[in-house]
C-alpha atoms as a PDB file:
ATOM      1  CA  UNK A   1     -17.470 -51.468  23.919  1.00  0.00           C
ATOM      2  CA  UNK A   2     -17.836 -48.725  26.537  1.00  0.00           C
ATOM      3  CA  UNK A   3     -21.281 -47.557  27.428  1.00  0.00           C
ATOM      4  CA  UNK A   4     -21.980 -43.848  26.648  1.00  0.00           C
ATOM      5  CA  UNK A   5     -22.233 -41.524  29.613  1.00  0.00           C
ATOM      6  CA  UNK A   6     -25.879 -40.783  30.456  1.00  0.00           C
ATOM      7  CA  UNK A   7     -27.029 -37.289  29.613  1.00  0.00           C
ATOM      8  CA  UNK A   8     -28.712 -35.252  32.375  1.00  0.00           C
ATOM      9  CA  UNK A   9     -32.480 -34.975  32.098  1.00  0.00           C
ATOM     10  CA  UNK A  10     -34.474 -31.748  32.314  1.00  0.00           C
ATOM     11  CA  UNK A  11     -35.930 -32.791  35.678  1.00  0.00           C
ATOM     12  CA  UNK A  12     -32.552 -33.429  37.225  1.00  0.00           C
ATOM     13  CA  UNK A  13     -31.280 -30.069  35.978  1.00  0.00           C
ATOM     14  CA  UNK A  14     -34.255 -28.264  37.503  1.00  0.00           C
ATOM     15  CA  UNK A  15     -33.831 -30.118  40.822  1.00  0.00           C
ATOM     16  CA  UNK A  16     -30.117 -29.418  40.893  1.00  0.00           C
ATOM     17  CA  UNK A  17     -29.194 -33.131  41.004  1.00  0.00           C
ATOM     18  CA  UNK A  18     -27.627 -33.324  37.551  1.00  0.00           C
ATOM     19  CA  UNK A  19     -23.972 -34.443  37.499  1.00  0.00           C
ATOM     20  CA  UNK A  20     -21.511 -31.620  36.682  1.00  0.00           C
ATOM     21  CA  UNK A  21     -19.661 -31.486  33.385  1.00  0.00           C
ATOM     22  CA  UNK A  22     -16.445 -33.421  33.524  1.00  0.00           C
ATOM     23  CA  UNK A  23     -13.360 -31.307  34.108  1.00  0.00           C
ATOM     24  CA  UNK A  24     -11.563 -32.917  31.204  1.00  0.00           C
ATOM     25  CA  UNK A  25     -14.283 -31.754  28.806  1.00  0.00           C
ATOM     26  CA  UNK A  26     -13.996 -28.152  30.051  1.00  0.00           C
ATOM     27  CA  UNK A  27     -10.218 -28.186  29.756  1.00  0.00           C
ATOM     28  CA  UNK A  28     -10.476 -29.665  26.275  1.00  0.00           C
ATOM     29  CA  UNK A  29     -12.868 -26.892  25.284  1.00  0.00           C
ATOM     30  CA  UNK A  30     -10.447 -24.155  26.394  1.00  0.00           C
ATOM     31  CA  UNK A  31      -7.436 -25.876  24.798  1.00  0.00           C
ATOM     32  CA  UNK A  32      -9.145 -26.399  21.481  1.00  0.00           C
ATOM     33  CA  UNK A  33      -7.302 -24.668  18.606  1.00  0.00           C
ATOM     34  CA  UNK A  34      -8.899 -22.077  16.383  1.00  0.00           C
ATOM     35  CA  UNK A  35     -10.746 -23.444  13.375  1.00  0.00           C
ATOM     36  CA  UNK A  36      -8.612 -23.767  10.285  1.00  0.00           C
ATOM     37  CA  UNK A  37     -10.702 -21.156   8.479  1.00  0.00           C
ATOM     38  CA  UNK A  38      -9.895 -18.517  11.138  1.00  0.00           C
ATOM     39  CA  UNK A  39      -6.184 -19.286  10.985  1.00  0.00           C
ATOM     40  CA  UNK A  40      -6.199 -19.054   7.205  1.00  0.00           C
ATOM     41  CA  UNK A  41      -8.129 -15.797   7.344  1.00  0.00           C
ATOM     42  CA  UNK A  42      -5.680 -14.191   9.796  1.00  0.00           C
ATOM     43  CA  UNK A  43      -2.731 -15.490   7.810  1.00  0.00           C
ATOM     44  CA  UNK A  44      -4.042 -14.043   4.561  1.00  0.00           C
ATOM     45  CA  UNK A  45      -4.669 -10.685   6.219  1.00  0.00           C
ATOM     46  CA  UNK A  46      -1.160 -10.633   7.685  1.00  0.00           C
ATOM     47  CA  UNK A  47       0.471 -11.543   4.382  1.00  0.00           C
ATOM     48  CA  UNK A  48      -1.599  -8.929   2.559  1.00  0.00           C
ATOM     49  CA  UNK A  49      -0.618  -6.308   5.143  1.00  0.00           C
ATOM     50  CA  UNK A  50       3.087  -7.120   4.753  1.00  0.00           C
ATOM     51  CA  UNK A  51       2.793  -7.090   0.959  1.00  0.00           C
ATOM     52  CA  UNK A  52       1.036  -3.708   1.049  1.00  0.00           C
ATOM     53  CA  UNK A  53       3.721  -2.234   3.293  1.00  0.00           C
ATOM     54  CA  UNK A  54       6.407  -3.529   0.964  1.00  0.00           C
ATOM     55  CA  UNK A  55       4.678  -2.103  -2.083  1.00  0.00           C
ATOM     56  CA  UNK A  56       4.062   1.281  -0.454  1.00  0.00           C
ATOM     57  CA  UNK A  57       7.669   1.483   0.727  1.00  0.00           C
ATOM     58  CA  UNK A  58       9.021   0.684  -2.726  1.00  0.00           C
ATOM     59  CA  UNK A  59       6.618   3.152  -4.350  1.00  0.00           C
ATOM     60  CA  UNK A  60       7.650   5.873  -1.893  1.00  0.00           C
ATOM     61  CA  UNK A  61      11.349   5.292  -2.577  1.00  0.00           C
ATOM     62  CA  UNK A  62      10.771   5.365  -6.338  1.00  0.00           C
ATOM     63  CA  UNK A  63       8.796   8.596  -6.045  1.00  0.00           C
ATOM     64  CA  UNK A  64      11.482  10.263  -3.922  1.00  0.00           C
ATOM     65  CA  UNK A  65      14.165   9.124  -6.342  1.00  0.00           C
ATOM     66  CA  UNK A  66      12.319  10.565  -9.324  1.00  0.00           C
ATOM     67  CA  UNK A  67      11.607  13.787  -7.391  1.00  0.00           C
ATOM     68  CA  UNK A  68      15.293  14.299  -6.616  1.00  0.00           C
ATOM     69  CA  UNK A  69      16.774  13.184  -9.929  1.00  0.00           C
ATOM     70  CA  UNK A  70      14.245  14.815 -12.261  1.00  0.00           C
ATOM     71  CA  UNK A  71      13.314  17.885 -10.254  1.00  0.00           C
ATOM     72  CA  UNK A  72      14.698  20.282 -12.887  1.00  0.00           C
ATOM     73  CA  UNK A  73      13.344  18.400 -15.898  1.00  0.00           C
ATOM     74  CA  UNK A  74      10.264  19.579 -17.820  1.00  0.00           C
ATOM     75  CA  UNK A  75       9.607  22.475 -15.450  1.00  0.00           C
ATOM     76  CA  UNK A  76       7.156  24.234 -17.836  1.00  0.00           C
ATOM     77  CA  UNK A  77       5.005  21.097 -17.739  1.00  0.00           C
ATOM     78  CA  UNK A  78       5.440  19.886 -14.152  1.00  0.00           C
ATOM     79  CA  UNK A  79       5.158  23.232 -12.356  1.00  0.00           C
ATOM     80  CA  UNK A  80       1.579  23.996 -13.587  1.00  0.00           C
ATOM     81  CA  UNK A  81       0.562  20.500 -12.493  1.00  0.00           C
ATOM     82  CA  UNK A  82       2.005  21.135  -9.032  1.00  0.00           C
ATOM     83  CA  UNK A  83       0.069  24.395  -8.783  1.00  0.00           C
ATOM     84  CA  UNK A  84      -3.105  22.642  -9.908  1.00  0.00           C
ATOM     85  CA  UNK A  85      -2.840  19.995  -7.189  1.00  0.00           C
ATOM     86  CA  UNK A  86      -1.821  22.637  -4.648  1.00  0.00           C
ATOM     87  CA  UNK A  87      -5.028  24.526  -5.424  1.00  0.00           C
ATOM     88  CA  UNK A  88      -7.062  21.323  -5.249  1.00  0.00           C
ATOM     89  CA  UNK A  89      -5.623  20.428  -1.847  1.00  0.00           C
ATOM     90  CA  UNK A  90      -5.637  23.925  -0.383  1.00  0.00           C
ATOM     91  CA  UNK A  91      -7.368  26.801  -2.143  1.00  0.00           C
ATOM     92  CA  UNK A  92     -10.518  24.925  -3.179  1.00  0.00           C
ATOM     93  CA  UNK A  93     -10.988  23.649   0.377  1.00  0.00           C
ATOM     94  CA  UNK A  94     -10.957  27.060   2.071  1.00  0.00           C
ATOM     95  CA  UNK A  95     -14.789  27.393   2.308  1.00  0.00           C
ATOM     96  CA  UNK A  96     -15.112  24.008   4.013  1.00  0.00           C
ATOM     97  CA  UNK A  97     -12.068  24.736   6.201  1.00  0.00           C
ATOM     98  CA  UNK A  98     -13.653  28.022   7.273  1.00  0.00           C
ATOM     99  CA  UNK A  99     -16.834  26.251   8.357  1.00  0.00           C
ATOM    100  CA  UNK A 100     -14.837  23.611  10.252  1.00  0.00           C
ATOM    101  CA  UNK A 101     -12.726  26.295  11.933  1.00  0.00           C
ATOM    102  CA  UNK A 102     -15.875  28.058  13.137  1.00  0.00           C
ATOM    103  CA  UNK A 103     -17.350  24.794  14.396  1.00  0.00           C
ATOM    104  CA  UNK A 104     -14.070  23.704  15.991  1.00  0.00           C
ATOM    105  CA  UNK A 105     -13.762  26.919  17.949  1.00  0.00           C
ATOM    106  CA  UNK A 106     -17.357  26.526  19.154  1.00  0.00           C
ATOM    107  CA  UNK A 107     -16.798  22.898  20.211  1.00  0.00           C
ATOM    108  CA  UNK A 108     -13.571  23.511  22.095  1.00  0.00           C
ATOM    109  CA  UNK A 109     -14.680  26.755  23.740  1.00  0.00           C
ATOM    110  CA  UNK A 110     -18.180  25.505  24.474  1.00  0.00           C
ATOM    111  CA  UNK A 111     -16.865  22.423  26.229  1.00  0.00           C
ATOM    112  CA  UNK A 112     -14.062  24.107  28.180  1.00  0.00           C
ATOM    113  CA  UNK A 113     -15.240  27.616  29.057  1.00  0.00           C
ATOM    114  CA  UNK A 114     -17.991  26.491  31.401  1.00  0.00           C
ATOM    115  CA  UNK A 115     -15.655  24.090  33.190  1.00  0.00           C
ATOM    116  CA  UNK A 116     -12.748  26.546  33.456  1.00  0.00           C
ATOM    117  CA  UNK A 117     -15.036  29.353  34.612  1.00  0.00           C
ATOM    118  CA  UNK A 118     -16.583  27.077  37.220  1.00  0.00           C
ATOM    119  CA  UNK A 119     -13.187  26.337  38.795  1.00  0.00           C
ATOM    120  CA  UNK A 120     -11.837  29.860  38.206  1.00  0.00           C
ATOM    121  CA  UNK A 121      -8.942  29.069  35.854  1.00  0.00           C
ATOM    122  CA  UNK A 122      -9.826  30.946  32.676  1.00  0.00           C
ATOM    123  CA  UNK A 123      -6.130  31.732  32.282  1.00  0.00           C
ATOM    124  CA  UNK A 124      -5.742  28.185  30.932  1.00  0.00           C
ATOM    125  CA  UNK A 125      -7.996  28.849  27.946  1.00  0.00           C
ATOM    126  CA  UNK A 126      -5.061  29.577  25.633  1.00  0.00           C
ATOM    127  CA  UNK A 127      -3.269  26.424  26.742  1.00  0.00           C
ATOM    128  CA  UNK A 128      -6.352  24.337  25.998  1.00  0.00           C
ATOM    129  CA  UNK A 129      -6.669  25.871  22.524  1.00  0.00           C
ATOM    130  CA  UNK A 130      -3.028  25.114  21.732  1.00  0.00           C
ATOM    131  CA  UNK A 131      -3.160  21.557  23.035  1.00  0.00           C
ATOM    132  CA  UNK A 132      -6.459  20.660  21.376  1.00  0.00           C
ATOM    133  CA  UNK A 133      -6.341  22.571  18.093  1.00  0.00           C
ATOM    134  CA  UNK A 134      -2.741  23.379  17.175  1.00  0.00           C
ATOM    135  CA  UNK A 135      -1.306  20.001  18.115  1.00  0.00           C
ATOM    136  CA  UNK A 136      -4.141  17.577  17.375  1.00  0.00           C
ATOM    137  CA  UNK A 137      -7.530  18.538  15.944  1.00  0.00           C
ATOM    138  CA  UNK A 138      -6.347  21.104  13.401  1.00  0.00           C
ATOM    139  CA  UNK A 139      -3.935  18.813  11.490  1.00  0.00           C
ATOM    140  CA  UNK A 140      -6.271  15.812  11.716  1.00  0.00           C
ATOM    141  CA  UNK A 141      -9.288  17.701  10.363  1.00  0.00           C
ATOM    142  CA  UNK A 142      -7.215  19.190   7.557  1.00  0.00           C
ATOM    143  CA  UNK A 143      -5.940  15.696   6.691  1.00  0.00           C
ATOM    144  CA  UNK A 144      -9.516  14.438   6.549  1.00  0.00           C
ATOM    145  CA  UNK A 145     -10.497  17.255   4.180  1.00  0.00           C
ATOM    146  CA  UNK A 146      -7.546  16.654   1.863  1.00  0.00           C
ATOM    147  CA  UNK A 147      -8.137  12.908   1.849  1.00  0.00           C
ATOM    148  CA  UNK A 148     -11.837  13.221   1.005  1.00  0.00           C
ATOM    149  CA  UNK A 149     -11.402  15.945  -1.612  1.00  0.00           C
ATOM    150  CA  UNK A 150      -8.058  15.265  -3.288  1.00  0.00           C
ATOM    151  CA  UNK A 151      -6.979  11.807  -2.146  1.00  0.00           C
ATOM    152  CA  UNK A 152     -10.057   9.965  -3.367  1.00  0.00           C
ATOM    153  CA  UNK A 153      -9.881  11.896  -6.647  1.00  0.00           C
ATOM    154  CA  UNK A 154      -6.302  10.681  -7.126  1.00  0.00           C
ATOM    155  CA  UNK A 155      -7.349   7.046  -6.983  1.00  0.00           C
ATOM    156  CA  UNK A 156     -10.265   7.547  -9.360  1.00  0.00           C
ATOM    157  CA  UNK A 157      -8.254   9.531 -11.912  1.00  0.00           C
ATOM    158  CA  UNK A 158      -5.150   7.347 -11.888  1.00  0.00           C
ATOM    159  CA  UNK A 159      -7.094   4.096 -11.686  1.00  0.00           C
ATOM    160  CA  UNK A 160      -9.225   5.084 -14.661  1.00  0.00           C
ATOM    161  CA  UNK A 161      -6.140   6.165 -16.613  1.00  0.00           C
ATOM    162  CA  UNK A 162      -4.436   2.848 -15.857  1.00  0.00           C
ATOM    163  CA  UNK A 163      -7.493   0.797 -16.784  1.00  0.00           C
ATOM    164  CA  UNK A 164      -7.912   2.629 -20.096  1.00  0.00           C
ATOM    165  CA  UNK A 165      -4.244   2.244 -21.081  1.00  0.00           C
ATOM    166  CA  UNK A 166      -3.283   5.914 -20.769  1.00  0.00           C
ATOM    167  CA  UNK A 167      -0.330   5.128 -18.484  1.00  0.00           C
ATOM    168  CA  UNK A 168       1.114   2.678 -21.015  1.00  0.00           C
ATOM    169  CA  UNK A 169       0.655   5.337 -23.706  1.00  0.00           C
ATOM    170  CA  UNK A 170       2.794   7.764 -21.693  1.00  0.00           C
ATOM    171  CA  UNK A 171       5.497   5.126 -21.315  1.00  0.00           C
ATOM    172  CA  UNK A 172       5.416   4.360 -25.036  1.00  0.00           C
ATOM    173  CA  UNK A 173       6.302   7.972 -25.908  1.00  0.00           C
ATOM    174  CA  UNK A 174       9.095   8.149 -23.318  1.00  0.00           C
ATOM    175  CA  UNK A 175       7.278  10.003 -20.508  1.00  0.00           C
ATOM    176  CA  UNK A 176       7.877   8.744 -16.972  1.00  0.00           C
ATOM    177  CA  UNK A 177       4.428   8.241 -15.352  1.00  0.00           C
ATOM    178  CA  UNK A 178       5.874   8.762 -11.868  1.00  0.00           C
ATOM    179  CA  UNK A 179       7.379  12.109 -12.876  1.00  0.00           C
ATOM    180  CA  UNK A 180       4.287  13.275 -14.753  1.00  0.00           C
ATOM    181  CA  UNK A 181       1.461  11.860 -12.606  1.00  0.00           C
ATOM    182  CA  UNK A 182       2.767  11.222  -9.087  1.00  0.00           C
ATOM    183  CA  UNK A 183       5.423  13.834  -8.286  1.00  0.00           C
ATOM    184  CA  UNK A 184       3.111  16.859  -8.889  1.00  0.00           C
ATOM    185  CA  UNK A 185       0.486  15.277  -6.662  1.00  0.00           C
ATOM    186  CA  UNK A 186       2.920  14.530  -3.846  1.00  0.00           C
ATOM    187  CA  UNK A 187       4.449  18.023  -3.844  1.00  0.00           C
ATOM    188  CA  UNK A 188       1.135  19.832  -4.313  1.00  0.00           C
ATOM    189  CA  UNK A 189      -0.708  17.857  -1.630  1.00  0.00           C
ATOM    190  CA  UNK A 190       2.113  18.202   0.904  1.00  0.00           C
ATOM    191  CA  UNK A 191       2.271  21.982   0.510  1.00  0.00           C
ATOM    192  CA  UNK A 192      -1.511  22.312   0.289  1.00  0.00           C
ATOM    193  CA  UNK A 193      -1.913  20.234   3.441  1.00  0.00           C
ATOM    194  CA  UNK A 194       0.437  22.518   5.354  1.00  0.00           C
ATOM    195  CA  UNK A 195      -1.244  25.709   4.099  1.00  0.00           C
ATOM    196  CA  UNK A 196      -4.748  24.433   4.805  1.00  0.00           C
ATOM    197  CA  UNK A 197      -3.787  23.387   8.335  1.00  0.00           C
ATOM    198  CA  UNK A 198      -2.352  26.813   9.133  1.00  0.00           C
ATOM    199  CA  UNK A 199      -5.487  28.507   7.805  1.00  0.00           C
ATOM    200  CA  UNK A 200      -7.773  26.170   9.770  1.00  0.00           C
ATOM    201  CA  UNK A 201      -5.837  26.678  13.024  1.00  0.00           C
ATOM    202  CA  UNK A 202      -5.855  30.471  12.696  1.00  0.00           C
ATOM    203  CA  UNK A 203      -9.583  30.434  11.949  1.00  0.00           C
ATOM    204  CA  UNK A 204     -10.298  28.142  14.906  1.00  0.00           C
ATOM    205  CA  UNK A 205      -8.319  30.382  17.277  1.00  0.00           C
ATOM    206  CA  UNK A 206     -10.231  33.481  16.197  1.00  0.00           C
ATOM    207  CA  UNK A 207     -13.584  31.700  16.310  1.00  0.00           C
ATOM    208  CA  UNK A 208     -12.686  30.387  19.770  1.00  0.00           C
ATOM    209  CA  UNK A 209     -12.293  33.895  21.107  1.00  0.00           C
ATOM    210  CA  UNK A 210     -15.500  34.934  19.331  1.00  0.00           C
ATOM    211  CA  UNK A 211     -17.496  32.249  21.114  1.00  0.00           C
ATOM    212  CA  UNK A 212     -15.781  33.056  24.402  1.00  0.00           C
ATOM    213  CA  UNK A 213     -16.790  36.710  23.939  1.00  0.00           C
ATOM    214  CA  UNK A 214     -20.387  35.706  23.210  1.00  0.00           C
ATOM    215  CA  UNK A 215     -20.430  33.649  26.409  1.00  0.00           C
ATOM    216  CA  UNK A 216     -19.320  36.696  28.439  1.00  0.00           C
ATOM    217  CA  UNK A 217     -16.026  35.181  29.510  1.00  0.00           C
ATOM    218  CA  UNK A 218     -14.016  37.856  31.373  1.00  0.00           C
ATOM    219  CA  UNK A 219     -11.032  37.615  29.025  1.00  0.00           C
ATOM    220  CA  UNK A 220      -9.604  40.495  27.026  1.00  0.00           C
ATOM    221  CA  UNK A 221      -8.111  39.908  23.564  1.00  0.00           C
ATOM    222  CA  UNK A 222      -4.643  40.820  24.772  1.00  0.00           C
ATOM    223  CA  UNK A 223      -4.808  38.281  27.590  1.00  0.00           C
ATOM    224  CA  UNK A 224      -6.160  35.586  25.271  1.00  0.00           C
ATOM    225  CA  UNK A 225      -3.408  35.943  22.689  1.00  0.00           C
ATOM    226  CA  UNK A 226      -0.808  36.287  25.431  1.00  0.00           C
ATOM    227  CA  UNK A 227      -1.922  32.911  26.767  1.00  0.00           C
ATOM    228  CA  UNK A 228      -1.599  31.451  23.286  1.00  0.00           C
ATOM    229  CA  UNK A 229       1.896  32.873  22.867  1.00  0.00           C
ATOM    230  CA  UNK A 230       2.979  31.527  26.249  1.00  0.00           C
ATOM    231  CA  UNK A 231       1.603  28.069  25.488  1.00  0.00           C
ATOM    232  CA  UNK A 232       3.378  27.873  22.121  1.00  0.00           C
ATOM    233  CA  UNK A 233       7.080  27.253  21.673  1.00  0.00           C
ATOM    234  CA  UNK A 234       9.459  26.710  18.799  1.00  0.00           C
ATOM    235  CA  UNK A 235       9.033  22.945  18.895  1.00  0.00           C
ATOM    236  CA  UNK A 236       5.306  23.311  18.233  1.00  0.00           C
ATOM    237  CA  UNK A 237       5.940  25.087  14.926  1.00  0.00           C
ATOM    238  CA  UNK A 238       8.590  22.586  13.822  1.00  0.00           C
ATOM    239  CA  UNK A 239       6.477  19.547  14.666  1.00  0.00           C
ATOM    240  CA  UNK A 240       3.356  21.113  13.144  1.00  0.00           C
ATOM    241  CA  UNK A 241       5.150  21.624   9.843  1.00  0.00           C
ATOM    242  CA  UNK A 242       6.657  18.126   9.937  1.00  0.00           C
ATOM    243  CA  UNK A 243       3.333  16.500  10.813  1.00  0.00           C
ATOM    244  CA  UNK A 244       1.350  18.261   8.097  1.00  0.00           C
ATOM    245  CA  UNK A 245       3.943  17.514   5.413  1.00  0.00           C
ATOM    246  CA  UNK A 246       3.987  13.884   6.575  1.00  0.00           C
ATOM    247  CA  UNK A 247       0.185  13.726   6.385  1.00  0.00           C
ATOM    248  CA  UNK A 248       0.113  15.185   2.881  1.00  0.00           C
ATOM    249  CA  UNK A 249       2.922  12.950   1.625  1.00  0.00           C
ATOM    250  CA  UNK A 250       1.370   9.805   3.107  1.00  0.00           C
ATOM    251  CA  UNK A 251      -2.055  10.547   1.615  1.00  0.00           C
ATOM    252  CA  UNK A 252      -0.582  11.327  -1.808  1.00  0.00           C
ATOM    253  CA  UNK A 253       1.672   8.257  -1.917  1.00  0.00           C
ATOM    254  CA  UNK A 254      -1.008   5.813  -0.736  1.00  0.00           C
ATOM    255  CA  UNK A 255      -3.707   7.099  -3.077  1.00  0.00           C
ATOM    256  CA  UNK A 256      -1.355   7.248  -6.062  1.00  0.00           C
ATOM    257  CA  UNK A 257      -0.094   3.750  -5.299  1.00  0.00           C
ATOM    258  CA  UNK A 258      -3.567   2.223  -5.308  1.00  0.00           C
ATOM    259  CA  UNK A 259      -4.533   4.115  -8.436  1.00  0.00           C
ATOM    260  CA  UNK A 260      -1.365   3.701 -10.484  1.00  0.00           C
ATOM    261  CA  UNK A 261       0.911   0.952  -9.228  1.00  0.00           C
ATOM    262  CA  UNK A 262      -1.625  -1.853  -9.644  1.00  0.00           C
ATOM    263  CA  UNK A 263      -3.226  -2.858 -12.947  1.00  0.00           C
ATOM    264  CA  UNK A 264      -6.938  -2.236 -12.559  1.00  0.00           C
ATOM    265  CA  UNK A 265     -10.104  -2.745 -14.472  1.00  0.00           C
ATOM    266  CA  UNK A 266     -12.731  -0.045 -14.353  1.00  0.00           C
ATOM    267  CA  UNK A 267     -14.816  -2.224 -12.040  1.00  0.00           C
ATOM    268  CA  UNK A 268     -11.979  -2.297  -9.504  1.00  0.00           C
ATOM    269  CA  UNK A 269     -11.510   1.468  -9.200  1.00  0.00           C
ATOM    270  CA  UNK A 270     -14.154   1.811  -6.483  1.00  0.00           C
ATOM    271  CA  UNK A 271     -12.623  -0.990  -4.403  1.00  0.00           C
ATOM    272  CA  UNK A 272      -9.171   0.550  -4.790  1.00  0.00           C
ATOM    273  CA  UNK A 273     -10.569   3.906  -3.615  1.00  0.00           C
ATOM    274  CA  UNK A 274     -12.028   2.323  -0.492  1.00  0.00           C
ATOM    275  CA  UNK A 275      -8.729   0.588   0.313  1.00  0.00           C
ATOM    276  CA  UNK A 276      -6.730   3.762  -0.274  1.00  0.00           C
ATOM    277  CA  UNK A 277      -8.959   5.876   1.964  1.00  0.00           C
ATOM    278  CA  UNK A 278      -8.857   3.311   4.761  1.00  0.00           C
ATOM    279  CA  UNK A 279      -5.094   2.879   4.610  1.00  0.00           C
ATOM    280  CA  UNK A 280      -4.589   6.646   4.487  1.00  0.00           C
ATOM    281  CA  UNK A 281      -6.636   7.061   7.662  1.00  0.00           C
ATOM    282  CA  UNK A 282      -4.569   4.382   9.380  1.00  0.00           C
ATOM    283  CA  UNK A 283      -1.334   6.010   8.204  1.00  0.00           C
ATOM    284  CA  UNK A 284      -2.421   9.410   9.529  1.00  0.00           C
ATOM    285  CA  UNK A 285      -3.353   7.867  12.871  1.00  0.00           C
ATOM    286  CA  UNK A 286       0.048   6.170  13.137  1.00  0.00           C
ATOM    287  CA  UNK A 287       1.874   9.373  12.199  1.00  0.00           C
ATOM    288  CA  UNK A 288      -0.137  11.327  14.752  1.00  0.00           C
ATOM    289  CA  UNK A 289       0.685   8.759  17.453  1.00  0.00           C
ATOM    290  CA  UNK A 290       4.393   9.084  16.638  1.00  0.00           C
ATOM    291  CA  UNK A 291       4.239  12.858  16.992  1.00  0.00           C
ATOM    292  CA  UNK A 292       2.324  12.548  20.270  1.00  0.00           C
ATOM    293  CA  UNK A 293       5.206  10.452  21.604  1.00  0.00           C
ATOM    294  CA  UNK A 294       7.664  13.090  20.384  1.00  0.00           C
ATOM    295  CA  UNK A 295       5.647  15.790  22.180  1.00  0.00           C
ATOM    296  CA  UNK A 296       5.659  13.781  25.398  1.00  0.00           C
ATOM    297  CA  UNK A 297       9.371  13.012  25.216  1.00  0.00           C
ATOM    298  CA  UNK A 298      10.400  16.552  24.268  1.00  0.00           C
END
């Protein structure tokens, strides 16, 4: 039997005469594997992420297939639903978008005017507005509004309908739930997202010049809008439209998927709403990163 190694005493540690920790023990500590619980946790999260991506991809393909194949069917029923969701994602959000546009113009102008005036390059004010608002902040803020107002409502409405058996009732009478419940939301939210973004950007540009005027910036309206026109190009309009439609489609598909594609009890609607909102935010961030790369490459 081997004798155990003596442990250093408090006095030896204070005097600095305690023997150092063996190198083999330190190496063993660094080479030790993660606890089994951590590995299982990461594995479950990875499998759940892959399963969610697979389900969202299949749901998106089904929705696009129904949209293309049944676009001309039941127009008197589907078109009013599209207009209803368009108003929910665009028209009803105009007061909040107006407030955000006013605040956005104040934030961007307030942070940049003093710096640009200090270095004498106020001619870059239009370029800053285009780079910050048209390309980034405008679409992202509009996506946040649509997600909070219409996206969360999608999960609650569809999840409640699924839990109470209303979706099965539609199927029993021969009505396609994707065509009746999902397609109007996808089309209405995509168009509403684009319209709301354009309104928010225009409002932010005007409020930006208003705050610049109040700060006595020596910039005439003609010069300001000339700078904006010079900073914009055709690619900006194309990518803005593509990004906003992608945001609206992603939010609609993810929220409808969590509300409709999974059988839910009423107690699970709140959890599904939280998951849908979180995944929609991640999807918008990924889409925005892709378009940033496109901007940089182009």
